[in-house]
């Protein structure tokens, strides 16, 4: 573990806890020793993760308790988005009404990896129940009431594998994508904070996919949606969420009116928000929008360049690191260089170059793409997520959209061939040939206890939304058919929670308008 590519894993390897990486070795040991798994998911620049490690994992008594009763597994959520999303969904089943977000998460699993209990804490160790009590309780229940825990684990797997109950009205729901968007608009409107902009309670994040969908609705004539988006973007840019001195957006704010920003800035947030502010600049003449894009891109170029990250693995020159945070005067950088997040930043550079009149950003985007191809695309055309890790749906879909964006702005030989390579990989390695849609992990990835087909947005658009958009733009017959089947495969999830599917709905409306799914294919574009 001391040589693992994840900085987070290397840091925790110094503690007295006997950590393992998720995989067959940990599962085999748990089964051989008849112990449950204790899975901790965190990341380098999370203040809560760092605090928890300081007050718990470095303590000899806690480590002894963990090593005696459990097989301990450490997950850097930036390196394993499949595990991150899977355990977050399991948490929502085990703790109804609670969401993990970007907080550290501790999951207790059976020896086969099925979760039966989950804890999440945004405030680090201060917000957890006393660690010793938790460990003692779970260890005792594993000995005395194991059948109940295993039954709960089976329930989690069953719940994640099912949609709406048979006979539910959702099975007969209207499949007009405009009706779905209308319902989502109503839900976003109900959650809208009119005085301060944004949506939901506090702590609060920016919800860039919702803002992008509202801007798109504004372009279709929904003036109220346009006002909601622009007011939110203006409030965010003029609040502590945006670092007016150094540029860039913080990950979240803890208090109303966008006060008390978290110390962390991530590439995910800043790439998405730079892209959304560039969309705003195309639909509104306020000079604030390109100013924010300029400052955000300047922050990323200055503080998240790969050359600034730790040199434990060859840097992706021309690419960007995942996050940084300032804790107690010390700057922490997450050296993980994600293909998916670099692709999102590439899209932000292309969009920003247009509204900020920065042709040099096209060159930077082109260099980023060139080095992604050199370092992340194997001779067999297999895309990697990072050094040594196979790419996920997000890596392929986000990069496909980025290549198409760059080609539209600055066409170069080889762009469309690369786009076809990525699209072919989506069809061959991720697409569900029976029900449609795309799995997060490839068909040949090490199996997990449940195979996710992500539909809802996080900070990022879902991989299925991105794949649907990219394939429809590429426009080959198979691509257009697969794009349509995404909606057919995920219609129940969209019907159950329209507001959580902003990116999918935006793509669906732009492609199919008011067409029912049955006649939607004729509305697909026929070219890139």
Protein backbone atom coordinates (compact mmCIF):
# COMPACT_ATOMS: atom_id res chain seq x y z
CA UNK A 1 0.00 0.00 0.00
CA UNK A 2 2.94 2.33 0.49
CA UNK A 3 3.39 2.35 -3.30
CA UNK A 4 -0.28 2.62 -4.24
CA UNK A 5 -1.01 5.36 -6.83
CA UNK A 6 -3.57 6.94 -4.47
CA UNK A 7 -2.14 9.56 -2.11
CA UNK A 8 -5.01 8.86 0.29
CA UNK A 9 -4.14 5.16 0.48
CA UNK A 10 -0.46 5.91 0.99
CA UNK A 11 -1.26 8.27 3.86
CA UNK A 12 -3.44 5.76 5.69
CA UNK A 13 -0.91 2.94 5.17
CA UNK A 14 1.24 4.58 7.84
CA UNK A 15 -1.39 3.94 10.53
CA UNK A 16 -1.49 0.87 12.83
CA UNK A 17 -4.72 -0.33 11.18
CA UNK A 18 -4.13 -3.38 8.98
CA UNK A 19 -5.64 -1.96 5.80
CA UNK A 20 -6.39 -3.88 2.60
CA UNK A 21 -7.38 -2.74 -0.86
CA UNK A 22 -10.82 -3.83 -2.07
CA UNK A 23 -10.41 -7.06 -3.97
CA UNK A 24 -10.24 -10.83 -3.80
CA UNK A 25 -7.49 -10.88 -1.15
CA UNK A 26 -9.60 -8.98 1.39
CA UNK A 27 -12.75 -10.97 0.63
CA UNK A 28 -10.91 -14.29 0.81
CA UNK A 29 -9.39 -13.38 4.16
CA UNK A 30 -12.76 -12.29 5.57
CA UNK A 31 -14.32 -15.60 4.55
CA UNK A 32 -11.38 -17.64 5.88
CA UNK A 33 -11.37 -15.82 9.23
CA UNK A 34 -15.17 -15.56 9.42
CA UNK A 35 -15.03 -11.79 9.97
CA UNK A 36 -17.08 -8.91 8.61
CA UNK A 37 -15.50 -6.28 6.39
CA UNK A 38 -15.06 -2.72 7.61
CA UNK A 39 -14.87 -0.54 4.48
CA UNK A 40 -13.79 3.07 4.85
CA UNK A 41 -14.29 5.42 1.89
CA UNK A 42 -12.60 8.81 1.94
CA UNK A 43 -10.22 10.99 0.00
CA UNK A 44 -7.06 13.00 0.45
CA UNK A 45 -8.39 16.55 0.63
CA UNK A 46 -11.47 15.87 2.76
CA UNK A 47 -11.09 17.62 6.14
CA UNK A 48 -13.47 15.10 7.68
CA UNK A 49 -11.44 12.15 6.36
CA UNK A 50 -8.21 13.65 7.65
CA UNK A 51 -9.70 14.39 11.08
CA UNK A 52 -11.16 10.92 11.41
CA UNK A 53 -7.81 9.36 10.55
CA UNK A 54 -6.09 11.59 13.11
CA UNK A 55 -8.35 10.83 16.07
CA UNK A 56 -9.32 7.22 15.28
CA UNK A 57 -7.12 5.27 12.91
CA UNK A 58 -3.86 6.49 14.43
CA UNK A 59 -4.94 5.43 17.91
CA UNK A 60 -3.50 2.09 19.04
CA UNK A 61 -6.64 0.98 20.92
CA UNK A 62 -8.95 1.69 17.99
CA UNK A 63 -6.57 0.02 15.54
CA UNK A 64 -6.33 -3.07 17.74
CA UNK A 65 -10.11 -3.31 17.93
CA UNK A 66 -10.41 -2.94 14.14
CA UNK A 67 -7.69 -5.48 13.43
CA UNK A 68 -9.12 -8.04 15.86
CA UNK A 69 -12.75 -7.94 14.81
CA UNK A 70 -12.70 -6.98 11.14
CA UNK A 71 -10.93 -7.19 7.82
CA UNK A 72 -10.35 -3.51 7.11
CA UNK A 73 -10.64 -2.18 3.56
CA UNK A 74 -9.59 1.29 2.44
CA UNK A 75 -11.14 2.94 -0.63
CA UNK A 76 -10.10 6.21 -2.25
CA UNK A 77 -13.41 7.26 -3.70
CA UNK A 78 -11.66 9.29 -6.42
CA UNK A 79 -9.92 6.12 -7.68
CA UNK A 80 -12.92 3.79 -7.33
CA UNK A 81 -16.06 5.66 -8.45
CA UNK A 82 -17.82 2.31 -8.92
CA UNK A 83 -17.43 1.42 -5.24
CA UNK A 84 -18.17 5.00 -4.19
CA UNK A 85 -21.49 5.10 -6.03
CA UNK A 86 -22.43 1.56 -5.03
CA UNK A 87 -21.88 2.11 -1.31
CA UNK A 88 -23.58 5.52 -1.42
CA UNK A 89 -26.68 3.88 -2.85
CA UNK A 90 -26.47 1.13 -0.24
CA UNK A 91 -26.31 3.82 2.47
CA UNK A 92 -29.54 5.36 1.19
CA UNK A 93 -31.24 1.97 1.55
CA UNK A 94 -29.82 1.33 5.02
CA UNK A 95 -30.35 4.91 6.26
CA UNK A 96 -33.49 6.23 4.51
CA UNK A 97 -33.46 9.99 4.10
CA UNK A 98 -29.68 10.21 4.59
CA UNK A 99 -27.16 10.86 1.83
CA UNK A 100 -23.39 10.53 1.97
CA UNK A 101 -22.38 13.14 -0.58
CA UNK A 102 -18.66 13.87 -0.29
CA UNK A 103 -18.47 12.92 3.42
CA UNK A 104 -16.35 10.00 4.62
CA UNK A 105 -18.30 6.77 4.85
CA UNK A 106 -17.83 3.63 6.90
CA UNK A 107 -19.64 0.51 5.71
CA UNK A 108 -19.84 -2.85 7.47
CA UNK A 109 -20.22 -5.77 5.08
CA UNK A 110 -20.57 -9.52 5.14
CA UNK A 111 -17.53 -11.59 4.28
CA UNK A 112 -18.80 -11.63 0.69
CA UNK A 113 -18.90 -7.84 0.53
CA UNK A 114 -22.64 -7.20 0.99
CA UNK A 115 -23.31 -4.14 3.21
CA UNK A 116 -25.50 -4.46 6.29
CA UNK A 117 -24.72 -1.18 8.10
CA UNK A 118 -23.44 2.23 6.98
CA UNK A 119 -22.37 5.44 8.67
CA UNK A 120 -21.60 8.80 7.06
CA UNK A 121 -20.30 11.88 8.78
CA UNK A 122 -19.60 15.29 7.21
CA UNK A 123 -17.95 16.45 10.42
CA UNK A 124 -15.30 13.76 10.78
CA UNK A 125 -14.81 12.00 14.09
CA UNK A 126 -16.64 14.72 16.04
CA UNK A 127 -19.86 13.67 14.30
CA UNK A 128 -19.48 9.91 14.62
CA UNK A 129 -20.77 7.91 17.53
CA UNK A 130 -17.88 6.92 19.75
CA UNK A 131 -15.78 4.68 17.55
CA UNK A 132 -15.18 2.00 20.16
CA UNK A 133 -18.90 1.61 20.82
CA UNK A 134 -19.65 1.23 17.13
CA UNK A 135 -16.96 -1.41 16.66
CA UNK A 136 -18.02 -3.32 19.77
CA UNK A 137 -21.70 -3.28 18.81
CA UNK A 138 -21.11 -4.50 15.26
CA UNK A 139 -18.68 -7.20 16.40
CA UNK A 140 -21.19 -8.43 19.00
CA UNK A 141 -24.06 -8.46 16.49
CA UNK A 142 -21.88 -10.37 14.03
CA UNK A 143 -21.38 -13.08 16.65
CA UNK A 144 -24.87 -13.15 18.15
CA UNK A 145 -27.27 -12.05 15.38
CA UNK A 146 -25.42 -12.80 12.18
CA UNK A 147 -28.44 -14.20 10.38
CA UNK A 148 -30.25 -10.90 10.85
CA UNK A 149 -27.31 -8.92 9.50
CA UNK A 150 -27.00 -11.20 6.48
CA UNK A 151 -30.74 -10.89 5.82
CA UNK A 152 -30.37 -7.11 5.91
CA UNK A 153 -27.48 -7.33 3.45
CA UNK A 154 -29.60 -9.42 1.08
CA UNK A 155 -32.36 -6.82 1.34
CA UNK A 156 -29.92 -4.10 0.27
CA UNK A 157 -28.91 -6.09 -2.80
CA UNK A 158 -32.53 -6.80 -3.64
CA UNK A 159 -33.59 -3.16 -3.23
CA UNK A 160 -30.80 -1.87 -5.46
CA UNK A 161 -31.70 -4.38 -8.13
CA UNK A 162 -35.37 -3.51 -8.36
CA UNK A 163 -37.24 -0.54 -9.79
CA UNK A 164 -40.83 0.41 -9.12
CA UNK A 165 -42.99 -2.45 -7.77
CA UNK A 166 -44.90 -4.53 -10.31
CA UNK A 167 -48.26 -2.89 -10.91
CA UNK A 168 -47.08 0.55 -9.78
CA UNK A 169 -48.57 3.50 -11.71
CA UNK A 170 -45.01 4.26 -12.78
CA UNK A 171 -45.14 1.25 -15.10
CA UNK A 172 -47.84 3.09 -17.05
CA UNK A 173 -46.35 6.59 -16.70
CA UNK A 174 -46.32 8.97 -19.63
CA UNK A 175 -43.14 8.55 -21.66
CA UNK A 176 -43.25 12.04 -23.13
CA UNK A 177 -39.87 13.50 -22.17
CA UNK A 178 -41.39 16.98 -21.97
CA UNK A 179 -43.74 15.76 -19.24
CA UNK A 180 -40.74 14.46 -17.29
CA UNK A 181 -38.97 17.81 -17.62
CA UNK A 182 -42.09 19.67 -16.52
CA UNK A 183 -42.27 17.55 -13.37
CA UNK A 184 -38.57 18.14 -12.68
CA UNK A 185 -39.08 21.89 -13.17
CA UNK A 186 -41.80 21.87 -10.53
CA UNK A 187 -39.53 20.03 -8.09
CA UNK A 188 -36.60 22.39 -8.73
CA UNK A 189 -38.92 25.35 -8.28
CA UNK A 190 -40.12 24.00 -4.93
CA UNK A 191 -36.51 23.58 -3.74
CA UNK A 192 -35.36 26.95 -5.09
CA UNK A 193 -33.93 29.47 -2.59
CA UNK A 194 -35.22 32.73 -4.09
CA UNK A 195 -33.24 35.12 -1.84
CA UNK A 196 -29.85 33.41 -2.18
CA UNK A 197 -30.09 31.21 -5.26
CA UNK A 198 -29.43 27.50 -5.38
CA UNK A 199 -31.54 24.56 -4.29
CA UNK A 200 -32.17 22.62 -1.11
CA UNK A 201 -30.97 23.11 2.43
CA UNK A 202 -27.59 23.71 4.00
CA UNK A 203 -24.84 22.54 3.64
CA UNK A 204 -25.35 23.26 -0.04
CA UNK A 205 -23.53 22.54 -3.28
CA UNK A 206 -23.90 24.26 -6.62
CA UNK A 207 -25.88 21.58 -8.55
CA UNK A 208 -24.34 22.45 -11.93
CA UNK A 209 -26.39 19.92 -13.90
CA UNK A 210 -29.63 21.50 -12.64
CA UNK A 211 -28.37 24.98 -13.55
CA UNK A 212 -27.41 23.77 -17.02
CA UNK A 213 -30.84 22.20 -17.54
CA UNK A 214 -32.57 25.41 -16.44
CA UNK A 215 -30.45 27.47 -18.83
CA UNK A 216 -31.43 25.07 -21.60
CA UNK A 217 -35.10 25.43 -20.68
CA UNK A 218 -34.64 29.19 -20.78
CA UNK A 219 -33.42 28.90 -24.35
CA UNK A 220 -36.67 27.07 -25.13
CA UNK A 221 -38.72 30.01 -23.84
CA UNK A 222 -39.08 29.24 -20.11
CA UNK A 223 -38.18 32.65 -18.73
CA UNK A 224 -38.74 31.60 -15.10
CA UNK A 225 -36.21 28.78 -15.49
CA UNK A 226 -33.72 31.19 -17.03
CA UNK A 227 -34.16 33.65 -14.14
CA UNK A 228 -33.67 30.89 -11.55
CA UNK A 229 -30.44 29.77 -13.19
CA UNK A 230 -28.96 33.23 -13.73
CA UNK A 231 -29.90 34.44 -10.25
CA UNK A 232 -28.32 31.35 -8.68
CA UNK A 233 -25.16 31.75 -10.76
CA UNK A 234 -24.91 35.43 -9.83
CA UNK A 235 -25.44 34.77 -6.11
CA UNK A 236 -22.81 32.02 -6.13
CA UNK A 237 -20.25 34.16 -7.96
CA UNK A 238 -20.76 37.04 -5.53
CA UNK A 239 -20.66 34.88 -2.40
CA UNK A 240 -17.90 33.16 -0.40
CA UNK A 241 -18.52 29.98 -2.42
CA UNK A 242 -16.41 31.66 -5.10
CA UNK A 243 -12.87 32.58 -4.05
CA UNK A 244 -12.65 36.15 -5.31
CA UNK A 245 -8.98 36.42 -4.32
CA UNK A 246 -7.56 33.17 -5.70
CA UNK A 247 -10.27 32.15 -8.14
CA UNK A 248 -12.19 28.92 -8.27
CA UNK A 249 -15.18 27.58 -6.38
CA UNK A 250 -15.12 25.82 -3.04
CA UNK A 251 -16.88 22.47 -2.85
CA UNK A 252 -19.81 23.57 -0.67
CA UNK A 253 -21.01 26.12 1.86
CA UNK A 254 -22.12 25.17 5.34
CA UNK A 255 -24.34 28.14 6.26
CA UNK A 256 -27.17 30.08 4.60
CA UNK A 257 -26.43 32.77 2.01
CA UNK A 258 -23.46 30.72 0.78
CA UNK A 259 -21.45 31.41 3.94
CA UNK A 260 -18.75 29.26 5.59
CA UNK A 261 -17.25 27.61 2.49
CA UNK A 262 -15.53 24.27 2.88
CA UNK A 263 -11.73 24.39 2.54
CA UNK A 264 -11.77 22.07 -0.47
CA UNK A 265 -11.76 22.95 -4.16
CA UNK A 266 -12.24 20.09 -6.60
CA UNK A 267 -11.64 19.70 -10.30
CA UNK A 268 -15.14 18.22 -10.62
CA UNK A 269 -16.82 21.35 -9.23
CA UNK A 270 -14.64 23.82 -11.08
CA UNK A 271 -14.73 22.07 -14.45
CA UNK A 272 -18.52 21.77 -14.30
CA UNK A 273 -19.07 25.33 -13.09
CA UNK A 274 -16.67 26.87 -15.61
CA UNK A 275 -18.64 25.05 -18.29
CA UNK A 276 -22.03 26.19 -16.89
CA UNK A 277 -20.91 29.83 -16.58
CA UNK A 278 -19.75 29.63 -20.20
CA UNK A 279 -23.27 28.46 -21.12
CA UNK A 280 -24.68 31.44 -19.22
CA UNK A 281 -22.39 33.79 -21.16
CA UNK A 282 -23.86 32.48 -24.40
CA UNK A 283 -27.42 33.29 -23.34
CA UNK A 284 -26.92 36.51 -21.36
CA UNK A 285 -24.73 39.58 -21.90
CA UNK A 286 -23.73 40.17 -18.27
CA UNK A 287 -19.90 40.52 -18.22
CA UNK A 288 -19.85 38.66 -14.89
CA UNK A 289 -20.17 35.29 -16.64
CA UNK A 290 -16.95 35.40 -18.72
CA UNK A 291 -15.15 36.99 -15.77
CA UNK A 292 -16.02 33.99 -13.60
CA UNK A 293 -14.95 31.60 -16.36
CA UNK A 294 -11.60 33.42 -16.67
CA UNK A 295 -10.95 33.31 -12.93
CA UNK A 296 -12.00 29.67 -12.58
CA UNK A 297 -9.84 28.47 -15.45
CA UNK A 298 -6.94 30.55 -14.12
CA UNK A 299 -7.29 28.81 -10.74
CA UNK A 300 -7.26 25.35 -12.33
CA UNK A 301 -4.23 26.18 -14.49
CA UNK A 302 -2.35 27.63 -11.53
CA UNK A 303 -3.24 25.25 -8.70
CA UNK A 304 -4.39 21.95 -10.22
CA UNK A 305 -1.82 21.44 -12.96
CA UNK A 306 -0.52 17.88 -12.80
CA UNK A 307 3.05 19.11 -12.41
CA UNK A 308 2.10 20.47 -8.97
CA UNK A 309 0.91 17.10 -7.71
CA UNK A 310 2.91 14.53 -5.85
CA UNK A 311 5.36 12.64 -8.05
CA UNK A 312 4.59 9.07 -6.94
CA UNK A 313 3.46 8.23 -10.47
CA UNK A 314 4.30 9.76 -13.84
CA UNK A 315 2.36 13.03 -14.10
CA UNK A 316 -0.13 13.62 -16.85
CA UNK A 317 1.52 16.67 -18.36
CA UNK A 318 -1.15 18.95 -19.73
CA UNK A 319 -3.68 17.40 -17.37
CA UNK A 320 -5.05 18.26 -13.96
CA UNK A 321 -5.23 16.82 -10.45
CA UNK A 322 -8.44 16.05 -8.62
CA UNK A 323 -8.61 18.47 -5.67
CA UNK A 324 -6.83 20.62 -3.13
CA UNK A 325 -7.64 21.87 0.35
CA UNK A 326 -5.97 24.12 2.88
CA UNK A 327 -6.11 22.64 6.37
CA UNK A 328 -4.43 24.41 9.25
CA UNK A 329 -2.15 26.32 6.92
CA UNK A 330 -1.11 23.17 5.02
CA UNK A 331 -2.11 22.72 1.40
CA UNK A 332 -3.12 19.18 0.47
CA UNK A 333 -3.37 18.11 -3.16
CA UNK A 334 -5.02 14.94 -4.39
CA UNK A 335 -2.53 13.66 -6.95
CA UNK A 336 -5.10 11.38 -8.59
CA UNK A 337 -5.42 12.34 -12.26
CA UNK A 338 -8.82 11.20 -13.44
CA UNK A 339 -9.49 10.70 -17.14
CA UNK A 340 -13.17 11.55 -16.61
CA UNK A 341 -12.46 14.80 -14.76
CA UNK A 342 -9.77 15.83 -17.23
CA UNK A 343 -12.33 15.29 -19.99
CA UNK A 344 -14.77 17.59 -18.19
CA UNK A 345 -12.06 20.23 -17.87
CA UNK A 346 -11.30 19.85 -21.56
CA UNK A 347 -14.96 20.65 -22.29
CA UNK A 348 -14.78 23.69 -20.01
CA UNK A 349 -11.70 24.96 -21.85
CA UNK A 350 -13.42 24.63 -25.21
CA UNK A 351 -16.58 26.39 -24.02
CA UNK A 352 -14.56 29.04 -22.19
CA UNK A 353 -12.36 29.74 -25.21
CA UNK A 354 -15.46 30.74 -27.14
CA UNK A 355 -16.97 33.16 -24.63
CA UNK A 356 -13.68 34.57 -23.28
CA UNK A 357 -12.05 34.86 -26.72
CA UNK A 358 -9.12 32.72 -25.62
CA UNK A 359 -7.89 30.71 -28.62
CA UNK A 360 -4.92 29.57 -26.52
CA UNK A 361 -7.34 27.48 -24.48
CA UNK A 362 -8.09 25.44 -27.60
CA UNK A 363 -4.39 24.64 -27.77
CA UNK A 364 -4.36 23.67 -24.09
CA UNK A 365 -7.42 21.47 -24.61
CA UNK A 366 -5.73 19.85 -27.58
CA UNK A 367 -2.60 19.17 -25.51
CA UNK A 368 -4.70 17.69 -22.72
CA UNK A 369 -6.39 15.37 -25.20
CA UNK A 370 -3.08 14.38 -26.79
CA UNK A 371 -1.56 13.39 -23.45
CA UNK A 372 -4.71 11.57 -22.38
CA UNK A 373 -4.39 9.49 -25.53
CA UNK A 374 -0.69 8.90 -24.93
CA UNK A 375 -0.98 7.92 -21.27
CA UNK A 376 -4.53 6.54 -20.89
CA UNK A 377 -5.22 4.77 -24.18
CA UNK A 378 -3.46 1.42 -24.46
CA UNK A 379 -2.17 -0.02 -27.77
CA UNK A 380 -5.33 -2.18 -27.74
CA UNK A 381 -7.48 1.00 -27.57
CA UNK A 382 -8.44 0.29 -23.95
CA UNK A 383 -9.07 3.50 -22.00
CA UNK A 384 -7.72 3.76 -18.45
CA UNK A 385 -9.29 5.81 -15.67
CA UNK A 386 -5.87 6.50 -14.15
CA UNK A 387 -2.55 4.73 -14.08
CA UNK A 388 -3.29 0.99 -13.95
CA UNK A 389 -7.08 1.26 -13.49
CA UNK A 390 -9.53 0.36 -16.25
CA UNK A 391 -11.80 3.15 -17.39
CA UNK A 392 -15.44 3.31 -16.33
CA UNK A 393 -18.51 4.49 -18.21
CA UNK A 394 -17.80 8.05 -17.06
CA UNK A 395 -14.27 8.02 -18.48
CA UNK A 396 -15.45 6.86 -21.90
CA UNK A 397 -18.61 8.97 -22.13
CA UNK A 398 -17.11 12.23 -20.83
CA UNK A 399 -14.12 11.87 -23.13
CA UNK A 400 -16.37 11.14 -26.11
CA UNK A 401 -18.27 14.39 -25.51
CA UNK A 402 -15.00 16.27 -25.01
CA UNK A 403 -13.58 14.99 -28.31
CA UNK A 404 -16.75 16.03 -30.14
CA UNK A 405 -16.69 19.49 -28.51
CA UNK A 406 -13.06 20.03 -29.45
CA UNK A 407 -13.61 18.77 -32.98
CA UNK A 408 -16.53 21.17 -33.45
CA UNK A 409 -14.40 24.12 -32.30
CA UNK A 410 -11.03 23.11 -33.75
CA UNK A 411 -11.35 20.13 -36.11
CA UNK A 412 -8.26 17.99 -36.51
CA UNK A 413 -7.56 14.72 -38.35
CA UNK A 414 -8.07 11.76 -36.09
CA UNK A 415 -10.76 13.30 -33.88
CA UNK A 416 -13.64 11.35 -35.35
CA UNK A 417 -11.64 8.12 -35.42
CA UNK A 418 -10.98 8.54 -31.69
CA UNK A 419 -14.66 9.30 -31.09
CA UNK A 420 -15.59 6.07 -32.87
CA UNK A 421 -13.09 4.10 -30.76
CA UNK A 422 -14.69 5.44 -27.58
CA UNK A 423 -18.22 4.84 -28.87
CA UNK A 424 -17.36 1.29 -29.92
CA UNK A 425 -16.00 0.62 -26.43
CA UNK A 426 -19.27 1.87 -24.94
CA UNK A 427 -21.24 -0.53 -27.13
CA UNK A 428 -18.96 -3.53 -26.65
CA UNK A 429 -17.93 -3.24 -23.01
CA UNK A 430 -20.60 -1.24 -21.15
CA UNK A 431 -23.96 -1.48 -22.93
CA UNK A 432 -26.69 -3.74 -21.59
CA UNK A 433 -27.57 -5.75 -24.72
CA UNK A 434 -30.88 -6.91 -23.26
CA UNK A 435 -32.49 -3.92 -21.55
CA UNK A 436 -30.45 -1.02 -22.91
CA UNK A 437 -28.48 1.65 -21.10
CA UNK A 438 -24.89 1.43 -19.89
CA UNK A 439 -23.31 -0.10 -16.80
CA UNK A 440 -20.79 1.92 -14.79
CA UNK A 441 -18.20 -0.88 -14.88
CA UNK A 442 -17.27 -2.81 -18.00
CA UNK A 443 -18.42 -6.36 -18.72
CA UNK A 444 -14.90 -7.67 -18.00
CA UNK A 445 -14.34 -5.71 -14.77
CA UNK A 446 -13.95 -7.65 -11.49
CA UNK A 447 -17.54 -8.42 -10.42
CA UNK A 448 -19.21 -6.58 -7.54
CA UNK A 449 -22.28 -7.70 -5.65
CA UNK A 450 -24.44 -5.34 -7.72
CA UNK A 451 -23.78 -3.87 -11.14
CA UNK A 452 -24.76 -0.21 -11.29
CA UNK A 453 -26.43 1.41 -14.27
CA UNK A 454 -26.23 5.05 -13.08
CA UNK A 455 -29.01 7.40 -14.06
CA UNK A 456 -29.14 10.19 -11.46
CA UNK A 457 -26.68 13.08 -11.32
CA UNK A 458 -24.16 13.65 -8.58
CA UNK A 459 -21.99 16.77 -8.91
CA UNK A 460 -21.34 15.32 -12.34
CA UNK A 461 -23.86 14.29 -14.97
CA UNK A 462 -24.62 10.59 -14.95
CA UNK A 463 -22.54 8.47 -17.28
CA UNK A 464 -25.71 7.37 -19.06
CA UNK A 465 -26.69 10.99 -19.76
CA UNK A 466 -23.25 11.70 -21.18
CA UNK A 467 -23.18 8.49 -23.24
CA UNK A 468 -26.61 9.27 -24.61
CA UNK A 469 -25.55 12.78 -25.64
CA UNK A 470 -22.25 11.74 -27.16
CA UNK A 471 -23.64 8.80 -29.11
CA UNK A 472 -26.53 10.84 -30.49
CA UNK A 473 -24.07 13.51 -31.64
CA UNK A 474 -21.81 10.94 -33.28
CA UNK A 475 -24.90 9.78 -35.09
CA UNK A 476 -24.13 6.36 -36.55
CA UNK A 477 -27.14 4.05 -36.75
CA UNK A 478 -26.06 1.92 -33.78
CA UNK A 479 -25.19 5.05 -31.80
CA UNK A 480 -28.63 6.59 -32.32
CA UNK A 481 -30.37 3.34 -31.43
CA UNK A 482 -28.33 2.97 -28.22
CA UNK A 483 -28.99 6.59 -27.23
CA UNK A 484 -32.73 6.03 -27.47
CA UNK A 485 -32.51 2.79 -25.47
CA UNK A 486 -30.97 4.70 -22.53
CA UNK A 487 -34.33 6.37 -21.92
CA UNK A 488 -36.20 3.12 -22.38
CA UNK A 489 -33.93 1.40 -19.84
CA UNK A 490 -34.05 4.16 -17.23
CA UNK A 491 -37.61 5.44 -17.56
CA UNK A 492 -38.70 4.07 -14.17
CA UNK A 493 -35.81 5.76 -12.35
CA UNK A 494 -36.60 9.05 -14.11
CA UNK A 495 -40.29 8.77 -13.27
CA UNK A 496 -39.54 8.10 -9.59
CA UNK A 497 -37.17 11.09 -9.20
CA UNK A 498 -37.31 13.48 -12.17
CA UNK A 499 -35.40 16.23 -10.35
CA UNK A 500 -32.40 13.95 -9.81
CA UNK A 501 -32.02 13.40 -13.56
CA UNK A 502 -31.29 16.91 -14.82
CA UNK A 503 -28.60 15.88 -17.29
CA UNK A 504 -30.61 12.98 -18.75
CA UNK A 505 -33.69 15.16 -19.12
CA UNK A 506 -31.76 18.00 -20.74
CA UNK A 507 -30.30 15.59 -23.30
CA UNK A 508 -33.68 13.92 -23.87
CA UNK A 509 -35.50 17.21 -24.45
CA UNK A 510 -32.82 18.51 -26.79
CA UNK A 511 -32.90 15.28 -28.82
CA UNK A 512 -36.52 14.27 -28.73
CA UNK A 513 -38.50 17.36 -27.74
CA UNK A 514 -42.06 16.30 -27.06
CA UNK A 515 -41.81 13.03 -28.99
CA UNK A 516 -42.84 9.90 -27.10
CA UNK A 517 -40.10 7.32 -26.84
CA UNK A 518 -41.76 5.08 -29.35
CA UNK A 519 -41.29 7.64 -32.14
CA UNK A 520 -38.21 9.36 -30.78
CA UNK A 521 -35.64 7.74 -33.01
CA UNK A 522 -36.64 9.87 -35.98
CA UNK A 523 -35.67 12.96 -33.98
CA UNK A 524 -32.07 11.84 -33.44
CA UNK A 525 -29.41 13.82 -35.27
CA UNK A 526 -27.81 11.99 -38.15
CA UNK A 527 -24.36 13.49 -37.97
CA UNK A 528 -21.72 14.72 -35.56
